Amino acid sequence: AMETGSVAYVYKDPETGMSVEIVGWKGKETVRAYVPKNERLHYLRLMGADTTMFEVNKFEEKKEKDKERKEARENRDDANGDNNEVMDDTDEDAKVTADNDDQKQ
């Protein structure tokens, strides 16, 4: 068995002959490549790995989250019997002011 410690990984593409050299660490039961976070996908692509699980369209993701939030809000409003009346902050302020005026009299 190989000892624990630093290692050099060398990947050589059999088709093109291109080599990629990466440093890493071999633990007791694991190995880890030391690659900057923002370069990980680049290295995986160089080595021909499938990266589709990491690629996310942030605009589509936001649109989907917004849609889910809207549906949840509508479901919550329906469950509460809300008739979708909109009360803005100025209506609430007017109500509080009127209540305070009634208490003063």
PDB file of N, CA and C in Angstrom:
ATOM      1  N   ALA A   1       0.840  -1.185   0.000  1.00  0.00           N
ATOM      2  CA  ALA A   1       0.000   0.000   0.000  1.00  0.00           C
ATOM      3  C   ALA A   1       0.881   1.243   0.000  1.00  0.00           C
ATOM      4  N   MET A   2       0.357   2.240  -0.665  1.00  0.00           N
ATOM      5  CA  MET A   2       1.077   3.511  -0.766  1.00  0.00           C
ATOM      6  C   MET A   2       0.907   4.297   0.536  1.00  0.00           C
ATOM      7  N   GLU A   3       1.932   5.022   0.939  1.00  0.00           N
ATOM      8  CA  GLU A   3       1.865   5.804   2.173  1.00  0.00           C
ATOM      9  C   GLU A   3       0.982   7.036   2.007  1.00  0.00           C
ATOM     10  N   THR A   4       0.513   7.551   3.127  1.00  0.00           N
ATOM     11  CA  THR A   4      -0.259   8.790   3.152  1.00  0.00           C
ATOM     12  C   THR A   4       0.687   9.951   2.886  1.00  0.00           C
ATOM     13  N   GLY A   5       0.215  10.931   2.104  1.00  0.00           N
ATOM     14  CA  GLY A   5       1.043  12.104   1.849  1.00  0.00           C
ATOM     15  C   GLY A   5       0.722  12.752   0.523  1.00  0.00           C
ATOM     16  N   SER A   6       1.562  13.664   0.128  1.00  0.00           N
ATOM     17  CA  SER A   6       1.328  14.397  -1.115  1.00  0.00           C
ATOM     18  C   SER A   6       1.640  13.504  -2.319  1.00  0.00           C
ATOM     19  N   VAL A   7       0.893  13.740  -3.382  1.00  0.00           N
ATOM     20  CA  VAL A   7       1.047  12.951  -4.609  1.00  0.00           C
ATOM     21  C   VAL A   7       0.951  13.873  -5.813  1.00  0.00           C
ATOM     22  N   ALA A   8       1.440  13.376  -6.933  1.00  0.00           N
ATOM     23  CA  ALA A   8       1.286  14.089  -8.199  1.00  0.00           C
ATOM     24  C   ALA A   8       0.454  13.188  -9.097  1.00  0.00           C
ATOM     25  N   TYR A   9      -0.656  13.732  -9.595  1.00  0.00           N
ATOM     26  CA  TYR A   9      -1.512  12.990 -10.517  1.00  0.00           C
ATOM     27  C   TYR A   9      -1.136  13.426 -11.926  1.00  0.00           C
ATOM     28  N   VAL A  10      -0.961  12.459 -12.803  1.00  0.00           N
ATOM     29  CA  VAL A  10      -0.656  12.770 -14.192  1.00  0.00           C
ATOM     30  C   VAL A  10      -1.680  12.047 -15.050  1.00  0.00           C
ATOM     31  N   TYR A  11      -2.458  12.827 -15.790  1.00  0.00           N
ATOM     32  CA  TYR A  11      -3.448  12.263 -16.709  1.00  0.00           C
ATOM     33  C   TYR A  11      -2.938  12.498 -18.114  1.00  0.00           C
ATOM     34  N   LYS A  12      -2.898  11.444 -18.913  1.00  0.00           N
ATOM     35  CA  LYS A  12      -2.463  11.582 -20.299  1.00  0.00           C
ATOM     36  C   LYS A  12      -3.585  11.059 -21.186  1.00  0.00           C
ATOM     37  N   ASP A  13      -4.113  11.946 -22.030  1.00  0.00           N
ATOM     38  CA  ASP A  13      -5.191  11.577 -22.939  1.00  0.00           C
ATOM     39  C   ASP A  13      -4.642  10.622 -23.995  1.00  0.00           C
ATOM     40  N   PRO A  14      -5.217   9.430 -24.105  1.00  0.00           N
ATOM     41  CA  PRO A  14      -4.692   8.456 -25.060  1.00  0.00           C
ATOM     42  C   PRO A  14      -4.862   8.880 -26.522  1.00  0.00           C
ATOM     43  N   GLU A  15      -5.862   9.689 -26.803  1.00  0.00           N
ATOM     44  CA  GLU A  15      -6.107  10.095 -28.189  1.00  0.00           C
ATOM     45  C   GLU A  15      -5.201  11.238 -28.636  1.00  0.00           C
ATOM     46  N   THR A  16      -5.057  12.252 -27.777  1.00  0.00           N
ATOM     47  CA  THR A  16      -4.302  13.445 -28.176  1.00  0.00           C
ATOM     48  C   THR A  16      -2.889  13.477 -27.609  1.00  0.00           C
ATOM     49  N   GLY A  17      -2.634  12.691 -26.567  1.00  0.00           N
ATOM     50  CA  GLY A  17      -1.321  12.712 -25.935  1.00  0.00           C
ATOM     51  C   GLY A  17      -1.142  13.864 -24.966  1.00  0.00           C
ATOM     52  N   MET A  18      -2.178  14.696 -24.810  1.00  0.00           N
ATOM     53  CA  MET A  18      -2.107  15.833 -23.893  1.00  0.00           C
ATOM     54  C   MET A  18      -2.025  15.311 -22.453  1.00  0.00           C
ATOM     55  N   SER A  19      -1.144  15.901 -21.662  1.00  0.00           N
ATOM     56  CA  SER A  19      -1.058  15.486 -20.266  1.00  0.00           C
ATOM     57  C   SER A  19      -1.466  16.637 -19.357  1.00  0.00           C
ATOM     58  N   VAL A  20      -2.115  16.262 -18.270  1.00  0.00           N
ATOM     59  CA  VAL A  20      -2.535  17.221 -17.247  1.00  0.00           C
ATOM     60  C   VAL A  20      -1.912  16.759 -15.941  1.00  0.00           C
ATOM     61  N   GLU A  21      -1.176  17.648 -15.294  1.00  0.00           N
ATOM     62  CA  GLU A  21      -0.503  17.314 -14.045  1.00  0.00           C
ATOM     63  C   GLU A  21      -1.145  18.101 -12.913  1.00  0.00           C
ATOM     64  N   ILE A  22      -1.524  17.375 -11.860  1.00  0.00           N
ATOM     65  CA  ILE A  22      -2.213  17.981 -10.716  1.00  0.00           C
ATOM     66  C   ILE A  22      -1.582  17.442  -9.442  1.00  0.00           C
ATOM     67  N   VAL A  23      -1.417  18.307  -8.448  1.00  0.00           N
ATOM     68  CA  VAL A  23      -0.931  17.835  -7.148  1.00  0.00           C
ATOM     69  C   VAL A  23      -2.127  17.518  -6.267  1.00  0.00           C
ATOM     70  N   GLY A  24      -1.905  16.658  -5.299  1.00  0.00           N
ATOM     71  CA  GLY A  24      -2.991  16.274  -4.412  1.00  0.00           C
ATOM     72  C   GLY A  24      -2.485  15.657  -3.130  1.00  0.00           C
ATOM     73  N   TRP A  25      -3.397  15.026  -2.427  1.00  0.00           N
ATOM     74  CA  TRP A  25      -3.093  14.404  -1.147  1.00  0.00           C
ATOM     75  C   TRP A  25      -3.741  13.036  -1.090  1.00  0.00           C
ATOM     76  N   LYS A  26      -2.973  12.045  -0.650  1.00  0.00           N
ATOM     77  CA  LYS A  26      -3.514  10.708  -0.454  1.00  0.00           C
ATOM     78  C   LYS A  26      -3.648  10.489   1.040  1.00  0.00           C
ATOM     79  N   GLY A  27      -4.893  10.290   1.453  1.00  0.00           N
ATOM     80  CA  GLY A  27      -5.165   9.986   2.850  1.00  0.00           C
ATOM     81  C   GLY A  27      -5.132   8.493   3.070  1.00  0.00           C
ATOM     82  N   LYS A  28      -5.591   8.068   4.226  1.00  0.00           N
ATOM     83  CA  LYS A  28      -5.610   6.646   4.547  1.00  0.00           C
ATOM     84  C   LYS A  28      -6.522   5.880   3.589  1.00  0.00           C
ATOM     85  N   GLU A  29      -7.709   6.447   3.321  1.00  0.00           N
ATOM     86  CA  GLU A  29      -8.669   5.774   2.447  1.00  0.00           C
ATOM     87  C   GLU A  29      -9.158   6.656   1.298  1.00  0.00           C
ATOM     88  N   THR A  30      -8.656   7.876   1.199  1.00  0.00           N
ATOM     89  CA  THR A  30      -9.146   8.799   0.178  1.00  0.00           C
ATOM     90  C   THR A  30      -7.991   9.470  -0.555  1.00  0.00           C
ATOM     91  N   VAL A  31      -8.331  10.044  -1.696  1.00  0.00           N
ATOM     92  CA  VAL A  31      -7.383  10.888  -2.427  1.00  0.00           C
ATOM     93  C   VAL A  31      -8.087  12.189  -2.778  1.00  0.00           C
ATOM     94  N   ARG A  32      -7.335  13.256  -2.840  1.00  0.00           N
ATOM     95  CA  ARG A  32      -7.913  14.563  -3.128  1.00  0.00           C
ATOM     96  C   ARG A  32      -6.971  15.359  -4.007  1.00  0.00           C
ATOM     97  N   ALA A  33      -7.509  15.862  -5.107  1.00  0.00           N
ATOM     98  CA  ALA A  33      -6.723  16.727  -5.988  1.00  0.00           C
ATOM     99  C   ALA A  33      -6.841  18.155  -5.486  1.00  0.00           C
ATOM    100  N   TYR A  34      -5.714  18.871  -5.441  1.00  0.00           N
ATOM    101  CA  TYR A  34      -5.732  20.268  -5.039  1.00  0.00           C
ATOM    102  C   TYR A  34      -5.835  21.132  -6.290  1.00  0.00           C
ATOM    103  N   VAL A  35      -7.060  21.527  -6.580  1.00  0.00           N
ATOM    104  CA  VAL A  35      -7.355  22.333  -7.766  1.00  0.00           C
ATOM    105  C   VAL A  35      -8.166  23.535  -7.293  1.00  0.00           C
ATOM    106  N   PRO A  36      -7.834  24.734  -7.746  1.00  0.00           N
ATOM    107  CA  PRO A  36      -8.644  25.897  -7.360  1.00  0.00           C
ATOM    108  C   PRO A  36     -10.114  25.682  -7.730  1.00  0.00           C
ATOM    109  N   LYS A  37     -10.995  26.102  -6.848  1.00  0.00           N
ATOM    110  CA  LYS A  37     -12.424  25.856  -7.016  1.00  0.00           C
ATOM    111  C   LYS A  37     -12.941  26.342  -8.373  1.00  0.00           C
ATOM    112  N   ASN A  38     -12.510  27.514  -8.789  1.00  0.00           N
ATOM    113  CA  ASN A  38     -13.026  28.064 -10.042  1.00  0.00           C
ATOM    114  C   ASN A  38     -12.439  27.379 -11.279  1.00  0.00           C
ATOM    115  N   GLU A  39     -11.472  26.471 -11.099  1.00  0.00           N
ATOM    116  CA  GLU A  39     -10.879  25.761 -12.234  1.00  0.00           C
ATOM    117  C   GLU A  39     -11.290  24.293 -12.308  1.00  0.00           C
ATOM    118  N   ARG A  40     -12.075  23.818 -11.354  1.00  0.00           N
ATOM    119  CA  ARG A  40     -12.422  22.397 -11.296  1.00  0.00           C
ATOM    120  C   ARG A  40     -13.143  21.916 -12.544  1.00  0.00           C
ATOM    121  N   LEU A  41     -14.141  22.660 -12.982  1.00  0.00           N
ATOM    122  CA  LEU A  41     -14.867  22.251 -14.184  1.00  0.00           C
ATOM    123  C   LEU A  41     -13.950  22.229 -15.399  1.00  0.00           C
ATOM    124  N   HIS A  42     -13.046  23.165 -15.472  1.00  0.00           N
ATOM    125  CA  HIS A  42     -12.108  23.222 -16.585  1.00  0.00           C
ATOM    126  C   HIS A  42     -11.262  21.948 -16.636  1.00  0.00           C
ATOM    127  N   TYR A  43     -10.729  21.545 -15.495  1.00  0.00           N
ATOM    128  CA  TYR A  43      -9.909  20.324 -15.452  1.00  0.00           C
ATOM    129  C   TYR A  43     -10.753  19.093 -15.794  1.00  0.00           C
ATOM    130  N   LEU A  44     -11.965  19.033 -15.282  1.00  0.00           N
ATOM    131  CA  LEU A  44     -12.826  17.888 -15.597  1.00  0.00           C
ATOM    132  C   LEU A  44     -13.111  17.816 -17.097  1.00  0.00           C
ATOM    133  N   ARG A  45     -13.358  18.972 -17.707  1.00  0.00           N
ATOM    134  CA  ARG A  45     -13.595  18.992 -19.155  1.00  0.00           C
ATOM    135  C   ARG A  45     -12.347  18.564 -19.921  1.00  0.00           C
ATOM    136  N   LEU A  46     -11.171  19.022 -19.481  1.00  0.00           N
ATOM    137  CA  LEU A  46      -9.922  18.616 -20.135  1.00  0.00           C
ATOM    138  C   LEU A  46      -9.757  17.103 -20.136  1.00  0.00           C
ATOM    139  N   MET A  47     -10.226  16.469 -19.053  1.00  0.00           N
ATOM    140  CA  MET A  47     -10.071  15.025 -18.919  1.00  0.00           C
ATOM    141  C   MET A  47     -11.240  14.244 -19.499  1.00  0.00           C
ATOM    142  N   GLY A  48     -12.180  14.966 -20.118  1.00  0.00           N
ATOM    143  CA  GLY A  48     -13.291  14.290 -20.783  1.00  0.00           C
ATOM    144  C   GLY A  48     -14.395  13.813 -19.864  1.00  0.00           C
ATOM    145  N   ALA A  49     -14.478  14.342 -18.654  1.00  0.00           N
ATOM    146  CA  ALA A  49     -15.515  13.930 -17.710  1.00  0.00           C
ATOM    147  C   ALA A  49     -16.856  14.566 -18.067  1.00  0.00           C
ATOM    148  N   ASP A  50     -17.933  13.917 -17.660  1.00  0.00           N
ATOM    149  CA  ASP A  50     -19.276  14.456 -17.860  1.00  0.00           C
ATOM    150  C   ASP A  50     -19.528  15.520 -16.793  1.00  0.00           C
ATOM    151  N   THR A  51     -19.698  16.765 -17.198  1.00  0.00           N
ATOM    152  CA  THR A  51     -19.866  17.868 -16.243  1.00  0.00           C
ATOM    153  C   THR A  51     -21.288  18.411 -16.220  1.00  0.00           C
ATOM    154  N   THR A  52     -22.223  17.736 -16.863  1.00  0.00           N
ATOM    155  CA  THR A  52     -23.588  18.267 -16.948  1.00  0.00           C
ATOM    156  C   THR A  52     -24.227  18.437 -15.579  1.00  0.00           C
ATOM    157  N   MET A  53     -23.872  17.613 -14.613  1.00  0.00           N
ATOM    158  CA  MET A  53     -24.483  17.737 -13.290  1.00  0.00           C
ATOM    159  C   MET A  53     -24.032  19.002 -12.554  1.00  0.00           C
ATOM    160  N   PHE A  54     -22.938  19.614 -12.981  1.00  0.00           N
ATOM    161  CA  PHE A  54     -22.428  20.817 -12.335  1.00  0.00           C
ATOM    162  C   PHE A  54     -22.859  22.098 -13.036  1.00  0.00           C
ATOM    163  N   GLU A  55     -23.306  21.965 -14.274  1.00  0.00           N
ATOM    164  CA  GLU A  55     -23.633  23.141 -15.059  1.00  0.00           C
ATOM    165  C   GLU A  55     -25.080  23.544 -14.812  1.00  0.00           C
ATOM    166  N   VAL A  56     -25.261  24.737 -14.272  1.00  0.00           N
ATOM    167  CA  VAL A  56     -26.582  25.240 -13.928  1.00  0.00           C
ATOM    168  C   VAL A  56     -26.756  26.604 -14.566  1.00  0.00           C
ATOM    169  N   ASN A  57     -27.881  26.792 -15.233  1.00  0.00           N
ATOM    170  CA  ASN A  57     -28.216  28.103 -15.756  1.00  0.00           C
ATOM    171  C   ASN A  57     -28.839  28.886 -14.604  1.00  0.00           C
ATOM    172  N   LYS A  58     -28.107  29.846 -14.058  1.00  0.00           N
ATOM    173  CA  LYS A  58     -28.582  30.549 -12.862  1.00  0.00           C
ATOM    174  C   LYS A  58     -29.870  31.328 -13.116  1.00  0.00           C
ATOM    175  N   PHE A  59     -30.109  31.741 -14.354  1.00  0.00           N
ATOM    176  CA  PHE A  59     -31.321  32.490 -14.658  1.00  0.00           C
ATOM    177  C   PHE A  59     -32.535  31.566 -14.662  1.00  0.00           C
ATOM    178  N   GLU A  60     -32.363  30.359 -15.223  1.00  0.00           N
ATOM    179  CA  GLU A  60     -33.448  29.381 -15.214  1.00  0.00           C
ATOM    180  C   GLU A  60     -33.729  28.921 -13.787  1.00  0.00           C
ATOM    181  N   GLU A  61     -32.666  28.744 -13.002  1.00  0.00           N
ATOM    182  CA  GLU A  61     -32.824  28.319 -11.613  1.00  0.00           C
ATOM    183  C   GLU A  61     -33.607  29.371 -10.825  1.00  0.00           C
ATOM    184  N   LYS A  62     -33.292  30.651 -11.015  1.00  0.00           N
ATOM    185  CA  LYS A  62     -34.003  31.723 -10.311  1.00  0.00           C
ATOM    186  C   LYS A  62     -35.457  31.763 -10.747  1.00  0.00           C
ATOM    187  N   LYS A  63     -35.703  31.616 -12.052  1.00  0.00           N
ATOM    188  CA  LYS A  63     -37.068  31.639 -12.559  1.00  0.00           C
ATOM    189  C   LYS A  63     -37.892  30.500 -11.936  1.00  0.00           C
ATOM    190  N   GLU A  64     -37.294  29.318 -11.821  1.00  0.00           N
ATOM    191  CA  GLU A  64     -37.984  28.169 -11.232  1.00  0.00           C
ATOM    192  C   GLU A  64     -38.274  28.407  -9.745  1.00  0.00           C
ATOM    193  N   LYS A  65     -37.293  28.950  -9.011  1.00  0.00           N
ATOM    194  CA  LYS A  65     -37.496  29.232  -7.588  1.00  0.00           C
ATOM    195  C   LYS A  65     -38.596  30.274  -7.392  1.00  0.00           C
ATOM    196  N   ASP A  66     -38.591  31.326  -8.226  1.00  0.00           N
ATOM    197  CA  ASP A  66     -39.634  32.353  -8.143  1.00  0.00           C
ATOM    198  C   ASP A  66     -41.011  31.756  -8.396  1.00  0.00           C
ATOM    199  N   LYS A  67     -41.104  30.857  -9.361  1.00  0.00           N
ATOM    200  CA  LYS A  67     -42.370  30.200  -9.684  1.00  0.00           C
ATOM    201  C   LYS A  67     -42.846  29.356  -8.503  1.00  0.00           C
ATOM    202  N   GLU A  68     -41.931  28.605  -7.887  1.00  0.00           N
ATOM    203  CA  GLU A  68     -42.283  27.782  -6.729  1.00  0.00           C
ATOM    204  C   GLU A  68     -42.759  28.651  -5.562  1.00  0.00           C
ATOM    205  N   ARG A  69     -42.072  29.775  -5.324  1.00  0.00           N
ATOM    206  CA  ARG A  69     -42.472  30.673  -4.234  1.00  0.00           C
ATOM    207  C   ARG A  69     -43.864  31.256  -4.486  1.00  0.00           C
ATOM    208  N   LYS A  70     -44.119  31.640  -5.727  1.00  0.00           N
ATOM    209  CA  LYS A  70     -45.418  32.215  -6.077  1.00  0.00           C
ATOM    210  C   LYS A  70     -46.521  31.183  -5.865  1.00  0.00           C
ATOM    211  N   GLU A  71     -46.304  29.941  -6.313  1.00  0.00           N
ATOM    212  CA  GLU A  71     -47.297  28.885  -6.136  1.00  0.00           C
ATOM    213  C   GLU A  71     -47.529  28.603  -4.657  1.00  0.00           C
ATOM    214  N   ALA A  72     -46.464  28.568  -3.862  1.00  0.00           N
ATOM    215  CA  ALA A  72     -46.585  28.322  -2.426  1.00  0.00           C
ATOM    216  C   ALA A  72     -47.374  29.445  -1.757  1.00  0.00           C
ATOM    217  N   ARG A  73     -47.093  30.687  -2.166  1.00  0.00           N
ATOM    218  CA  ARG A  73     -47.807  31.839  -1.608  1.00  0.00           C
ATOM    219  C   ARG A  73     -49.298  31.758  -1.950  1.00  0.00           C
ATOM    220  N   GLU A  74     -49.603  31.411  -3.213  1.00  0.00           N
ATOM    221  CA  GLU A  74     -51.004  31.301  -3.630  1.00  0.00           C
ATOM    222  C   GLU A  74     -51.704  30.174  -2.889  1.00  0.00           C
ATOM    223  N   ASN A  75     -51.019  29.048  -2.708  1.00  0.00           N
ATOM    224  CA  ASN A  75     -51.605  27.922  -1.972  1.00  0.00           C
ATOM    225  C   ASN A  75     -51.853  28.299  -0.518  1.00  0.00           C
ATOM    226  N   ARG A  76     -50.915  29.038   0.067  1.00  0.00           N
ATOM    227  CA  ARG A  76     -51.067  29.464   1.458  1.00  0.00           C
ATOM    228  C   ARG A  76     -52.244  30.434   1.587  1.00  0.00           C
ATOM    229  N   ASP A  77     -52.358  31.355   0.634  1.00  0.00           N
ATOM    230  CA  ASP A  77     -53.450  32.322   0.657  1.00  0.00           C
ATOM    231  C   ASP A  77     -54.794  31.620   0.486  1.00  0.00           C
ATOM    232  N   ASP A  78     -54.859  30.638  -0.406  1.00  0.00           N
ATOM    233  CA  ASP A  78     -56.101  29.877  -0.617  1.00  0.00           C
ATOM    234  C   ASP A  78     -56.476  29.102   0.633  1.00  0.00           C
ATOM    235  N   ALA A  79     -55.501  28.533   1.305  1.00  0.00           N
ATOM    236  CA  ALA A  79     -55.758  27.754   2.513  1.00  0.00           C
ATOM    237  C   ALA A  79     -56.238  28.646   3.652  1.00  0.00           C
ATOM    238  N   ASN A  80     -55.779  29.890   3.676  1.00  0.00           N
ATOM    239  CA  ASN A  80     -56.181  30.831   4.719  1.00  0.00           C
ATOM    240  C   ASN A  80     -57.494  31.531   4.390  1.00  0.00           C
ATOM    241  N   GLY A  81     -58.046  31.233   3.229  1.00  0.00           N
ATOM    242  CA  GLY A  81     -59.296  31.876   2.835  1.00  0.00           C
ATOM    243  C   GLY A  81     -59.112  33.308   2.410  1.00  0.00           C
ATOM    244  N   ASP A  82     -57.925  33.669   2.057  1.00  0.00           N
ATOM    245  CA  ASP A  82     -57.638  35.036   1.622  1.00  0.00           C
ATOM    246  C   ASP A  82     -58.300  35.267   0.267  1.00  0.00           C
ATOM    247  N   ASN A  83     -58.987  36.373   0.130  1.00  0.00           N
ATOM    248  CA  ASN A  83     -59.645  36.668  -1.140  1.00  0.00           C
ATOM    249  C   ASN A  83     -58.765  37.551  -2.022  1.00  0.00           C
ATOM    250  N   ASN A  84     -57.463  37.476  -1.785  1.00  0.00           N
ATOM    251  CA  ASN A  84     -56.458  38.178  -2.585  1.00  0.00           C
ATOM    252  C   ASN A  84     -56.583  39.693  -2.540  1.00  0.00           C
ATOM    253  N   GLU A  85     -57.183  40.239  -1.467  1.00  0.00           N
ATOM    254  CA  GLU A  85     -57.190  41.685  -1.313  1.00  0.00           C
ATOM    255  C   GLU A  85     -55.785  42.128  -0.948  1.00  0.00           C
ATOM    256  N   VAL A  86     -55.371  43.197  -1.528  1.00  0.00           N
ATOM    257  CA  VAL A  86     -54.037  43.697  -1.255  1.00  0.00           C
ATOM    258  C   VAL A  86     -54.151  44.887  -0.326  1.00  0.00           C
ATOM    259  N   MET A  87     -53.435  44.822   0.763  1.00  0.00           N
ATOM    260  CA  MET A  87     -53.413  45.938   1.713  1.00  0.00           C
ATOM    261  C   MET A  87     -51.975  46.416   1.768  1.00  0.00           C
ATOM    262  N   ASP A  88     -51.740  47.618   1.351  1.00  0.00           N
ATOM    263  CA  ASP A  88     -50.370  48.103   1.387  1.00  0.00           C
ATOM    264  C   ASP A  88     -50.079  48.752   2.728  1.00  0.00           C
ATOM    265  N   ASP A  89     -48.858  49.161   2.929  1.00  0.00           N
ATOM    266  CA  ASP A  89     -48.429  49.730   4.206  1.00  0.00           C
ATOM    267  C   ASP A  89     -49.207  50.993   4.568  1.00  0.00           C
ATOM    268  N   THR A  90     -49.608  51.784   3.584  1.00  0.00           N
ATOM    269  CA  THR A  90     -50.307  53.025   3.892  1.00  0.00           C
ATOM    270  C   THR A  90     -51.689  52.715   4.466  1.00  0.00           C
ATOM    271  N   ASP A  91     -52.350  51.654   3.983  1.00  0.00           N
ATOM    272  CA  ASP A  91     -53.647  51.262   4.554  1.00  0.00           C
ATOM    273  C   ASP A  91     -53.469  50.834   5.999  1.00  0.00           C
ATOM    274  N   GLU A  92     -52.428  50.085   6.295  1.00  0.00           N
ATOM    275  CA  GLU A  92     -52.164  49.620   7.656  1.00  0.00           C
ATOM    276  C   GLU A  92     -51.848  50.800   8.568  1.00  0.00           C
ATOM    277  N   ASP A  93     -51.053  51.764   8.056  1.00  0.00           N
ATOM    278  CA  ASP A  93     -50.721  52.950   8.852  1.00  0.00           C
ATOM    279  C   ASP A  93     -51.979  53.750   9.165  1.00  0.00           C
ATOM    280  N   ALA A  94     -52.868  53.871   8.191  1.00  0.00           N
ATOM    281  CA  ALA A  94     -54.104  54.620   8.408  1.00  0.00           C
ATOM    282  C   ALA A  94     -54.959  53.934   9.462  1.00  0.00           C
ATOM    283  N   LYS A  95     -55.015  52.624   9.453  1.00  0.00           N
ATOM    284  CA  LYS A  95     -55.800  51.866  10.419  1.00  0.00           C
ATOM    285  C   LYS A  95     -55.234  52.065  11.827  1.00  0.00           C
ATOM    286  N   VAL A  96     -53.899  51.980  11.958  1.00  0.00           N
ATOM    287  CA  VAL A  96     -53.259  52.165  13.267  1.00  0.00           C
ATOM    288  C   VAL A  96     -53.515  53.579  13.776  1.00  0.00           C
ATOM    289  N   THR A  97     -53.400  54.579  12.891  1.00  0.00           N
ATOM    290  CA  THR A  97     -53.642  55.962  13.286  1.00  0.00           C
ATOM    291  C   THR A  97     -55.076  56.147  13.742  1.00  0.00           C
ATOM    292  N   ALA A  98     -56.015  55.542  13.015  1.00  0.00           N
ATOM    293  CA  ALA A  98     -57.439  55.665  13.389  1.00  0.00           C
ATOM    294  C   ALA A  98     -57.684  54.993  14.734  1.00  0.00           C
ATOM    295  N   ASP A  99     -57.061  53.833  14.959  1.00  0.00           N
ATOM    296  CA  ASP A  99     -57.223  53.127  16.232  1.00  0.00           C
ATOM    297  C   ASP A  99     -56.663  53.967  17.376  1.00  0.00           C
ATOM    298  N   ASN A 100     -55.511  54.606  17.153  1.00  0.00           N
ATOM    299  CA  ASN A 100     -54.912  55.446  18.174  1.00  0.00           C
ATOM    300  C   ASN A 100     -55.794  56.660  18.487  1.00  0.00           C
ATOM    301  N   ASP A 101     -56.398  57.244  17.447  1.00  0.00           N
ATOM    302  CA  ASP A 101     -57.290  58.385  17.643  1.00  0.00           C
ATOM    303  C   ASP A 101     -58.496  57.976  18.463  1.00  0.00           C
ATOM    304  N   ASP A 102     -59.035  56.778  18.208  1.00  0.00           N
ATOM    305  CA  ASP A 102     -60.186  56.296  18.984  1.00  0.00           C
ATOM    306  C   ASP A 102     -59.840  56.101  20.439  1.00  0.00           C
ATOM    307  N   GLN A 103     -58.641  55.629  20.699  1.00  0.00           N
ATOM    308  CA  GLN A 103     -58.204  55.382  22.090  1.00  0.00           C
ATOM    309  C   GLN A 103     -57.995  56.690  22.840  1.00  0.00           C
ATOM    310  N   LYS A 104     -57.605  57.753  22.152  1.00  0.00           N
ATOM    311  CA  LYS A 104     -57.363  59.035  22.810  1.00  0.00           C
ATOM    312  C   LYS A 104     -58.659  59.680  23.253  1.00  0.00           C
ATOM    313  N   GLN A 105     -59.765  59.376  22.596  1.00  0.00           N
ATOM    314  CA  GLN A 105     -61.032  60.044  22.929  1.00  0.00           C
ATOM    315  C   GLN A 105     -61.729  59.438  24.081  1.00  0.00           C
TER     316      GLN A 105
END
